[in-house]
Amino acid sequence: MHYEVRMAEPELIPVVHAIMLAAFEEYRSADVPSSALNETAEGIREKIMAGKERAILCYGDGVPLGSGRFHVDAEAVYFSRLAVVPHARGRGIARSMVAWLETFADVRGKSRLWCRVRMSIPANIQLYKTLGFVEETEETVVNPNGFPVRTVVMSKSVAHTTSS
């Protein structure tokens, strides 16, 4: 199946939110539950409208199956909350979204794409490794719920293939 990734317009933020909740539900009973489960569509919309982040949706046959959020700084694109609805996992949706983000970064002359992954979810770390990411550092961060979370920062150099 071919997937189409595109920027999520503000009116589609509830879809971005719903996909994220569906994908992160499995972490509700984790030792430190994901703070994603406490986010609201309105909170996401406020960040997007304030220019603090952007959102993407991934469609398969016109149906939204994946979402993610990101922001751009001087040198890189940081993404978070990359999510695929549970029934569609293992089909290349995350790969499609990461490829879109890599192209987005490349077109804007950014040197790398990066994310932060919970160390307690080795399958996600392995997924990013298969997509060409490397582990940079291990860090403990305090999530919005106030709990410490052990994470690994993973990054991928952006190959500047886009001509100016």
Protein backbone atom coordinates (compact mmCIF):
# COMPACT_ATOMS: atom_id res chain seq x y z
CA MET A 1 0.00 0.00 0.00
CA HIS A 2 1.16 3.53 -0.73
CA TYR A 3 1.00 6.02 2.11
CA GLU A 4 0.61 9.75 1.83
CA VAL A 5 2.00 11.97 4.58
CA ARG A 6 0.97 15.58 4.77
CA MET A 7 0.88 18.46 7.20
CA ALA A 8 -2.20 18.37 9.41
CA GLU A 9 -4.35 21.44 9.04
CA PRO A 10 -5.75 22.92 12.29
CA GLU A 11 -9.19 21.43 11.71
CA LEU A 12 -7.60 17.95 11.68
CA ILE A 13 -5.96 18.28 15.10
CA PRO A 14 -8.72 16.12 16.68
CA VAL A 15 -7.66 13.33 14.28
CA VAL A 16 -3.99 13.76 15.24
CA HIS A 17 -5.05 13.60 18.89
CA ALA A 18 -7.26 10.51 18.42
CA ILE A 19 -4.52 8.56 16.65
CA MET A 20 -2.02 9.48 19.36
CA LEU A 21 -4.41 8.34 22.11
CA ALA A 22 -5.12 5.05 20.35
CA ALA A 23 -1.41 4.37 19.85
CA PHE A 24 -0.29 5.37 23.35
CA GLU A 25 -3.12 3.60 25.21
CA GLU A 26 -0.93 0.53 25.70
CA TYR A 27 1.37 2.65 27.90
CA ARG A 28 -1.39 3.62 30.34
CA SER A 29 -0.44 0.80 32.71
CA ALA A 30 3.34 1.32 32.41
CA ASP A 31 5.33 2.00 35.57
CA VAL A 32 5.38 5.62 34.40
CA PRO A 33 2.32 6.14 32.18
CA SER A 34 2.82 8.24 29.09
CA SER A 35 1.94 11.89 29.52
CA ALA A 36 0.57 11.75 25.97
CA LEU A 37 -2.57 10.25 27.46
CA ASN A 38 -3.25 13.50 29.32
CA GLU A 39 -2.93 15.75 26.29
CA THR A 40 -6.01 17.31 24.75
CA ALA A 41 -6.78 18.23 21.17
CA GLU A 42 -7.17 21.84 22.30
CA GLY A 43 -3.73 21.79 23.93
CA ILE A 44 -2.19 20.47 20.71
CA ARG A 45 -4.08 23.07 18.68
CA GLU A 46 -2.78 25.86 20.94
CA LYS A 47 0.84 24.74 20.41
CA ILE A 48 0.35 24.58 16.67
CA MET A 49 -1.42 27.92 16.44
CA ALA A 50 1.36 29.51 18.55
CA GLY A 51 3.96 28.13 16.12
CA LYS A 52 5.59 25.94 18.79
CA GLU A 53 5.06 22.74 16.82
CA ARG A 54 3.52 21.26 13.69
CA ALA A 55 1.65 18.03 13.08
CA ILE A 56 1.51 15.45 10.31
CA LEU A 57 -0.95 12.76 9.34
CA CYS A 58 -0.24 9.60 7.35
CA TYR A 59 -3.03 8.29 5.14
CA GLY A 60 -3.53 4.86 3.62
CA ASP A 61 -6.29 4.75 0.99
CA GLY A 62 -7.53 8.08 2.32
CA VAL A 63 -7.81 6.85 5.91
CA PRO A 64 -5.62 8.50 8.58
CA LEU A 65 -3.50 5.76 10.17
CA GLY A 66 -0.57 7.64 11.70
CA SER A 67 0.31 10.98 13.20
CA GLY A 68 3.25 12.83 14.65
CA ARG A 69 4.34 16.22 15.86
CA PHE A 70 7.56 18.11 15.33
CA HIS A 71 9.35 21.40 15.58
CA VAL A 72 12.24 22.93 13.72
CA ASP A 73 15.22 24.68 15.27
CA ALA A 74 18.35 26.22 13.77
CA GLU A 75 20.00 22.90 12.93
CA ALA A 76 17.52 20.08 13.28
CA VAL A 77 13.99 18.75 13.22
CA TYR A 78 12.84 17.18 16.50
CA PHE A 79 9.80 14.91 16.34
CA SER A 80 7.64 13.39 19.05
CA ARG A 81 4.42 11.49 19.57
CA LEU A 82 4.95 9.48 16.39
CA ALA A 83 1.91 7.24 16.49
CA VAL A 84 0.34 4.48 14.39
CA VAL A 85 -3.11 3.08 15.16
CA PRO A 86 -2.62 -0.42 16.61
CA HIS A 87 -4.46 -2.32 13.84
CA ALA A 88 -2.19 -0.80 11.16
CA ARG A 89 1.22 -1.37 12.74
CA GLY A 90 3.96 -3.20 10.91
CA ARG A 91 2.93 -1.87 7.49
CA GLY A 92 5.55 0.85 7.00
CA ILE A 93 3.51 3.79 8.26
CA ALA A 94 6.12 4.95 10.80
CA ARG A 95 8.78 4.53 8.11
CA SER A 96 6.73 6.74 5.75
CA MET A 97 6.33 9.46 8.36
CA VAL A 98 10.03 9.44 9.25
CA ALA A 99 10.94 9.61 5.54
CA TRP A 100 8.61 12.61 5.14
CA LEU A 101 10.22 14.31 8.15
CA GLU A 102 13.68 13.61 6.74
CA THR A 103 12.72 15.21 3.43
CA PHE A 104 11.15 18.15 5.28
CA ALA A 105 14.43 18.65 7.17
CA ASP A 106 16.53 18.25 4.04
CA VAL A 107 14.56 20.83 2.06
CA ARG A 108 15.10 23.30 4.90
CA GLY A 109 18.84 22.62 5.12
CA LYS A 110 18.70 20.97 8.55
CA SER A 111 21.56 18.64 9.46
CA ARG A 112 19.67 16.06 11.49
CA LEU A 113 16.41 14.53 12.58
CA TRP A 114 16.08 13.49 16.20
CA CYS A 115 13.72 12.12 18.83
CA ARG A 116 13.66 10.91 22.39
CA VAL A 117 12.62 7.29 23.09
CA ARG A 118 11.76 5.65 26.41
CA MET A 119 14.40 3.09 27.33
CA SER A 120 11.63 0.88 28.71
CA ILE A 121 10.35 0.34 25.15
CA PRO A 122 13.20 -1.45 23.35
CA ALA A 123 11.00 -2.23 20.33
CA ASN A 124 10.74 1.50 19.58
CA ILE A 125 14.50 1.93 19.94
CA GLN A 126 14.99 -0.96 17.52
CA LEU A 127 12.48 0.54 15.07
CA TYR A 128 14.44 3.77 14.88
CA LYS A 129 17.72 1.86 14.51
CA THR A 130 16.28 0.06 11.49
CA LEU A 131 15.42 3.49 10.06
CA GLY A 132 19.05 4.61 10.36
CA PHE A 133 18.97 6.37 13.72
CA VAL A 134 21.79 6.02 16.23
CA GLU A 135 21.72 6.31 19.98
CA GLU A 136 23.40 9.53 21.12
CA THR A 137 22.88 9.84 24.86
CA GLU A 138 20.84 8.43 27.68
CA GLU A 139 18.98 11.00 29.74
CA THR A 140 16.42 11.01 32.49
CA VAL A 141 13.76 13.63 31.87
CA VAL A 142 10.79 14.62 34.00
CA ASN A 143 7.57 14.21 32.05
CA PRO A 144 4.64 16.66 32.34
CA ASN A 145 3.12 14.37 34.98
CA GLY A 146 6.19 15.01 37.16
CA PHE A 147 7.69 11.51 36.84
CA PRO A 148 11.28 10.78 35.85
CA VAL A 149 11.55 8.84 32.59
CA ARG A 150 14.73 7.17 31.34
CA THR A 151 15.17 7.99 27.66
CA VAL A 152 17.64 7.68 24.85
CA VAL A 153 18.18 10.51 22.38
CA MET A 154 18.32 9.07 18.86
CA SER A 155 19.30 10.94 15.74
CA LYS A 156 19.85 10.55 12.05
CA SER A 157 21.97 12.76 9.84
CA VAL A 158 20.05 14.27 7.00
CA ALA A 159 21.63 13.55 3.63
CA HIS A 160 21.36 16.80 1.72
CA THR A 161 20.18 15.52 -1.64
CA THR A 162 17.84 18.36 -2.47
CA SER A 163 19.26 20.82 -4.93
CA SER A 164 19.00 24.51 -4.16
